[in-house]
Amino acid sequence: MNVRKLSLNGVALVLSAIFLFPVYWMFSSSFKENSQVLTKDPVFFFVPTFEHYTTAQNADLFWTYVRNSLVVTIGAVLVALSVALLASYALARMRFRGKRAMVLTVMAAQLAPWEVLVIVVYLNARDLSMLNSIGTLLLVYFVMALPFTIWTLRGFIAAVPRELEESALIDGCTRTQAFRRVIFPLLAPGLMATSLFGFILAWNEYAMVSVINKAPGTDTLPRWLTSFQTAFGSDWGATMAAASMFTIPVLLVFLLFQRRVTGGLAAGAVKG
């Protein structure tokens, strides 16, 4: 048993090293001098410099793109959570005509590759005069994140015992009060998991913003990264610094939500 456990741990460590090495190399290259980035022999020990981060931050419209990314990402996540809470509660708790069809529609929307809809989204945005708009991009990301959010929260709500909600109703709570006081506190793991998914989806999305927003100042950071590399050419140190700054928010959000995402409903029930 110990040999098997050690073997599994060894495989896990090797796979972790393989997946984490490119991330390590990106961050380390962002602190190297340009002469140390592209070398025949890899440089593992060096004196760090912040010159590349200064170059990236001083690039044209950098902070505008940071603001755009934060607005569309946080906005899409919040709107998706607000709508999905109501929809998932209806799917998990209520009986109505067309419920099964709605569940199948949510599943189909979740499985559909959004890349094939880029042209359709562009044509609709063009006909409605909604191109080059942060609001349009927020709406698109909201629609992209909504199916997964509904499906995930539906499972979490269905896992909450009906007896808890029925007890609150017997004690005089309305259905809205029972949801807010009993069910909602138990949804922390689901809310965190779906928020993390929505954040990563909107933060990293490239195809839609490349088609919908082409005017200067309306891009997000993924589009900015490609134009940054084009503008600065072979300055790989600055490119690695820009990519590192793009990655840091995702890492921070993941570390912030990790404990709650891995928490169970039982822990939430005790805290509630």
Protein backbone atom coordinates (compact mmCIF):
# COMPACT_ATOMS: atom_id res chain seq x y z
CA MET A 1 0.00 0.00 0.00
CA ASN A 2 2.83 2.36 0.87
CA VAL A 3 4.62 1.57 -2.39
CA ARG A 4 1.45 2.26 -4.36
CA LYS A 5 0.89 5.52 -2.48
CA LEU A 6 4.48 6.61 -3.07
CA SER A 7 4.19 5.76 -6.76
CA LEU A 8 1.00 7.81 -7.14
CA ASN A 9 2.57 10.74 -5.27
CA GLY A 10 5.64 10.49 -7.48
CA VAL A 11 3.54 10.56 -10.66
CA ALA A 12 1.57 13.52 -9.29
CA LEU A 13 4.78 15.42 -8.55
CA VAL A 14 6.18 14.74 -12.01
CA LEU A 15 2.97 15.87 -13.72
CA SER A 16 2.81 18.97 -11.50
CA ALA A 17 6.39 19.86 -12.44
CA ILE A 18 5.62 19.41 -16.15
CA PHE A 19 2.56 21.67 -15.99
CA LEU A 20 4.10 24.27 -13.68
CA PHE A 21 7.47 24.63 -15.43
CA PRO A 22 6.19 26.86 -18.28
CA VAL A 23 4.53 29.12 -15.71
CA TYR A 24 7.75 29.26 -13.70
CA TRP A 25 9.75 30.03 -16.84
CA MET A 26 7.38 32.83 -17.78
CA PHE A 27 7.66 34.49 -14.38
CA SER A 28 11.41 33.99 -14.12
CA SER A 29 12.01 35.35 -17.64
CA SER A 30 10.09 38.49 -16.73
CA PHE A 31 12.79 39.29 -14.13
CA LYS A 32 15.80 38.54 -16.35
CA GLU A 33 17.87 40.88 -18.46
CA ASN A 34 17.16 40.62 -22.19
CA SER A 35 20.56 39.00 -22.72
CA GLN A 36 19.55 36.21 -20.31
CA VAL A 37 16.12 35.46 -21.79
CA LEU A 38 17.17 34.01 -25.15
CA THR A 39 20.34 32.04 -24.48
CA LYS A 40 21.68 28.71 -25.64
CA ASP A 41 22.08 27.55 -22.05
CA PRO A 42 19.13 28.25 -19.69
CA VAL A 43 19.82 30.77 -16.94
CA PHE A 44 18.38 29.68 -13.60
CA PHE A 45 20.30 32.00 -11.27
CA PHE A 46 20.22 35.74 -11.96
CA VAL A 47 19.84 39.16 -10.38
CA PRO A 48 16.16 40.13 -10.79
CA THR A 49 15.19 43.35 -12.54
CA PHE A 50 11.81 45.09 -12.73
CA GLU A 51 12.63 46.93 -15.96
CA HIS A 52 10.34 44.73 -18.06
CA TYR A 53 7.36 45.39 -15.79
CA THR A 54 7.93 49.11 -16.13
CA THR A 55 8.03 48.74 -19.91
CA ALA A 56 4.78 46.78 -19.95
CA GLN A 57 2.92 49.19 -17.64
CA ASN A 58 4.02 52.18 -19.67
CA ALA A 59 2.71 50.71 -22.91
CA ASP A 60 -0.09 52.63 -24.62
CA LEU A 61 -3.55 52.17 -23.08
CA PHE A 62 -2.37 49.43 -20.70
CA TRP A 63 -4.42 50.67 -17.74
CA THR A 64 -7.43 51.23 -20.00
CA TYR A 65 -7.34 47.58 -21.00
CA VAL A 66 -6.94 46.54 -17.36
CA ARG A 67 -10.07 48.51 -16.51
CA ASN A 68 -11.96 47.05 -19.46
CA SER A 69 -11.04 43.50 -18.48
CA LEU A 70 -12.06 44.03 -14.86
CA VAL A 71 -15.37 45.64 -15.82
CA VAL A 72 -16.47 42.97 -18.30
CA THR A 73 -15.20 40.08 -16.17
CA ILE A 74 -16.65 41.13 -12.82
CA GLY A 75 -19.83 42.44 -14.43
CA ALA A 76 -20.43 39.23 -16.39
CA VAL A 77 -19.85 37.08 -13.29
CA LEU A 78 -22.19 39.11 -11.08
CA VAL A 79 -25.00 39.25 -13.65
CA ALA A 80 -24.65 35.53 -14.42
CA LEU A 81 -24.82 34.66 -10.72
CA SER A 82 -27.90 36.85 -10.19
CA VAL A 83 -29.82 35.30 -13.07
CA ALA A 84 -28.57 31.77 -12.45
CA LEU A 85 -29.64 31.81 -8.80
CA LEU A 86 -33.26 32.36 -9.78
CA ALA A 87 -33.19 29.97 -12.73
CA SER A 88 -31.41 27.17 -10.86
CA TYR A 89 -33.80 27.47 -7.92
CA ALA A 90 -36.76 27.13 -10.27
CA LEU A 91 -35.23 24.07 -11.95
CA ALA A 92 -34.33 22.41 -8.66
CA ARG A 93 -37.42 23.15 -6.57
CA MET A 94 -40.41 24.01 -8.74
CA ARG A 95 -42.62 22.03 -11.09
CA PHE A 96 -43.78 23.67 -14.28
CA ARG A 97 -44.54 22.80 -17.87
CA GLY A 98 -41.47 22.72 -20.08
CA LYS A 99 -39.03 22.11 -17.23
CA ARG A 100 -37.34 19.16 -18.94
CA ALA A 101 -37.02 21.10 -22.19
CA MET A 102 -35.43 23.98 -20.30
CA VAL A 103 -32.91 21.61 -18.66
CA LEU A 104 -32.01 20.14 -22.05
CA THR A 105 -31.62 23.64 -23.48
CA VAL A 106 -29.23 24.61 -20.69
CA MET A 107 -27.20 21.45 -21.27
CA ALA A 108 -27.06 22.07 -25.02
CA ALA A 109 -25.97 25.67 -24.50
CA GLN A 110 -23.28 24.51 -22.09
CA LEU A 111 -21.91 21.95 -24.55
CA ALA A 112 -22.00 24.23 -27.60
CA PRO A 113 -18.59 25.57 -28.71
CA TRP A 114 -18.90 29.34 -28.63
CA GLU A 115 -16.22 29.77 -31.27
CA VAL A 116 -18.68 28.63 -33.97
CA LEU A 117 -21.03 31.46 -32.99
CA VAL A 118 -18.47 34.23 -33.44
CA ILE A 119 -19.80 35.19 -36.88
CA VAL A 120 -23.42 35.17 -35.69
CA VAL A 121 -22.57 37.32 -32.68
CA TYR A 122 -20.66 39.75 -34.89
CA LEU A 123 -23.52 40.08 -37.38
CA ASN A 124 -26.06 40.70 -34.63
CA ALA A 125 -23.82 43.26 -32.92
CA ARG A 126 -23.21 45.01 -36.25
CA ASP A 127 -26.89 45.17 -37.16
CA LEU A 128 -27.76 46.53 -33.71
CA SER A 129 -24.91 49.10 -33.82
CA MET A 130 -23.33 47.47 -30.75
CA LEU A 131 -19.78 46.98 -32.02
CA ASN A 132 -16.81 48.41 -30.11
CA SER A 133 -18.75 48.50 -26.84
CA ILE A 134 -17.71 47.21 -23.43
CA GLY A 135 -21.39 46.69 -22.62
CA THR A 136 -21.79 44.37 -25.60
CA LEU A 137 -18.77 42.37 -24.54
CA LEU A 138 -20.13 42.11 -20.99
CA LEU A 139 -23.44 40.83 -22.37
CA VAL A 140 -21.70 38.22 -24.52
CA TYR A 141 -19.58 36.95 -21.61
CA PHE A 142 -22.66 36.83 -19.41
CA VAL A 143 -24.43 34.61 -21.94
CA MET A 144 -21.34 32.39 -22.25
CA ALA A 145 -21.05 31.86 -18.48
CA LEU A 146 -24.78 31.50 -17.77
CA PRO A 147 -25.41 27.83 -18.81
CA PHE A 148 -22.59 26.45 -16.67
CA THR A 149 -23.60 28.65 -13.76
CA ILE A 150 -27.24 27.50 -13.91
CA TRP A 151 -26.31 23.84 -14.23
CA THR A 152 -23.82 23.93 -11.34
CA LEU A 153 -26.02 25.91 -8.95
CA ARG A 154 -28.97 23.65 -9.76
CA GLY A 155 -26.99 20.71 -8.43
CA PHE A 156 -26.05 22.55 -5.24
CA ILE A 157 -29.62 23.69 -4.59
CA ALA A 158 -30.97 20.19 -5.24
CA ALA A 159 -28.49 18.84 -2.68
CA VAL A 160 -29.93 21.03 0.09
CA PRO A 161 -32.54 18.94 1.98
CA ARG A 162 -36.08 20.10 1.32
CA GLU A 163 -36.81 19.65 5.02
CA LEU A 164 -34.67 22.69 5.87
CA GLU A 165 -36.69 24.92 3.55
CA GLU A 166 -40.01 23.41 4.68
CA SER A 167 -39.10 24.03 8.30
CA ALA A 168 -38.43 27.68 7.53
CA LEU A 169 -41.80 27.94 5.75
CA ILE A 170 -43.57 26.38 8.75
CA ASP A 171 -41.84 28.88 11.03
CA GLY A 172 -43.44 31.71 9.09
CA CYS A 173 -40.85 32.56 6.45
CA THR A 174 -41.95 33.35 2.94
CA ARG A 175 -40.35 31.38 0.09
CA THR A 176 -38.04 34.34 -0.59
CA GLN A 177 -37.00 34.55 3.06
CA ALA A 178 -36.46 30.78 3.22
CA PHE A 179 -34.21 30.98 0.16
CA ARG A 180 -32.25 33.92 1.54
CA ARG A 181 -31.86 32.59 5.09
CA VAL A 182 -31.62 28.84 4.58
CA ILE A 183 -30.56 27.91 1.04
CA PHE A 184 -28.37 30.83 0.06
CA PRO A 185 -25.88 30.43 2.98
CA LEU A 186 -25.35 26.79 1.95
CA LEU A 187 -24.47 27.72 -1.63
CA ALA A 188 -21.04 29.20 -0.88
CA PRO A 189 -19.07 26.34 -2.54
CA GLY A 190 -21.27 26.50 -5.63
CA LEU A 191 -21.13 30.28 -5.85
CA MET A 192 -17.36 30.28 -5.53
CA ALA A 193 -16.90 27.50 -8.10
CA THR A 194 -19.13 29.16 -10.68
CA SER A 195 -17.59 32.57 -10.00
CA LEU A 196 -14.13 31.15 -10.56
CA PHE A 197 -15.21 29.53 -13.82
CA GLY A 198 -16.89 32.71 -15.05
CA PHE A 199 -13.90 34.84 -14.09
CA ILE A 200 -11.42 32.62 -15.92
CA LEU A 201 -13.69 32.36 -18.97
CA ALA A 202 -14.22 36.12 -19.32
CA TRP A 203 -10.67 37.10 -18.33
CA ASN A 204 -9.00 34.80 -20.88
CA GLU A 205 -11.52 35.11 -23.73
CA TYR A 206 -9.94 36.19 -27.00
CA ALA A 207 -12.07 35.21 -30.00
CA MET A 208 -15.16 37.31 -29.25
CA VAL A 209 -13.32 40.48 -28.30
CA SER A 210 -11.16 40.17 -31.43
CA VAL A 211 -14.29 40.27 -33.60
CA ILE A 212 -16.59 42.59 -31.64
CA ASN A 213 -14.20 45.26 -30.34
CA LYS A 214 -11.58 46.52 -32.77
CA ALA A 215 -11.51 50.23 -31.96
CA PRO A 216 -8.58 51.52 -29.85
CA GLY A 217 -9.41 51.62 -26.15
CA THR A 218 -12.16 48.98 -26.34
CA ASP A 219 -9.94 45.89 -26.19
CA THR A 220 -9.26 43.70 -23.18
CA LEU A 221 -5.95 42.33 -21.93
CA PRO A 222 -5.87 39.16 -24.10
CA ARG A 223 -6.06 41.29 -27.24
CA TRP A 224 -3.58 43.75 -25.77
CA LEU A 225 -1.03 40.97 -25.28
CA THR A 226 -0.95 40.19 -29.00
CA SER A 227 -0.61 43.85 -29.96
CA PHE A 228 2.05 44.28 -27.26
CA GLN A 229 4.21 41.56 -28.78
CA THR A 230 3.76 43.09 -32.22
CA ALA A 231 4.72 46.55 -31.01
CA PHE A 232 7.75 45.50 -28.96
CA GLY A 233 8.98 42.83 -31.34
CA SER A 234 11.76 40.71 -29.86
CA ASP A 235 11.53 42.16 -26.35
CA TRP A 236 10.66 38.82 -24.81
CA GLY A 237 11.41 40.02 -21.30
CA ALA A 238 8.71 42.69 -21.52
CA THR A 239 6.36 40.19 -23.17
CA MET A 240 6.86 37.75 -20.30
CA ALA A 241 6.26 40.57 -17.83
CA ALA A 242 3.02 41.50 -19.59
CA ALA A 243 1.91 37.86 -19.61
CA SER A 244 2.78 37.54 -15.92
CA MET A 245 0.69 40.59 -15.01
CA PHE A 246 -2.15 39.10 -17.04
CA THR A 247 -1.87 35.79 -15.14
CA ILE A 248 -1.55 37.17 -11.60
CA PRO A 249 -5.25 38.16 -11.15
CA VAL A 250 -6.39 34.63 -12.07
CA LEU A 251 -3.93 33.12 -9.59
CA LEU A 252 -5.07 35.49 -6.85
CA VAL A 253 -8.75 34.75 -7.47
CA PHE A 254 -8.06 31.02 -7.44
CA LEU A 255 -6.07 31.19 -4.20
CA LEU A 256 -8.78 33.36 -2.64
CA PHE A 257 -11.62 31.03 -3.60
CA GLN A 258 -9.80 27.70 -3.31
CA ARG A 259 -10.73 26.93 0.28
CA ARG A 260 -14.40 27.74 -0.25
CA VAL A 261 -14.60 25.94 -3.57
CA THR A 262 -13.31 22.73 -2.00
CA GLY A 263 -15.59 23.13 1.01
CA GLY A 264 -18.62 20.90 1.27
CA LEU A 265 -22.28 21.52 1.88
CA ALA A 266 -21.99 19.89 5.29
CA ALA A 267 -19.54 22.54 6.47
CA GLY A 268 -21.87 25.23 5.13
CA ALA A 269 -24.80 23.74 7.01
CA VAL A 270 -22.89 23.79 10.30
CA LYS A 271 -21.87 27.40 9.78
CA GLY A 272 -25.44 28.36 8.83
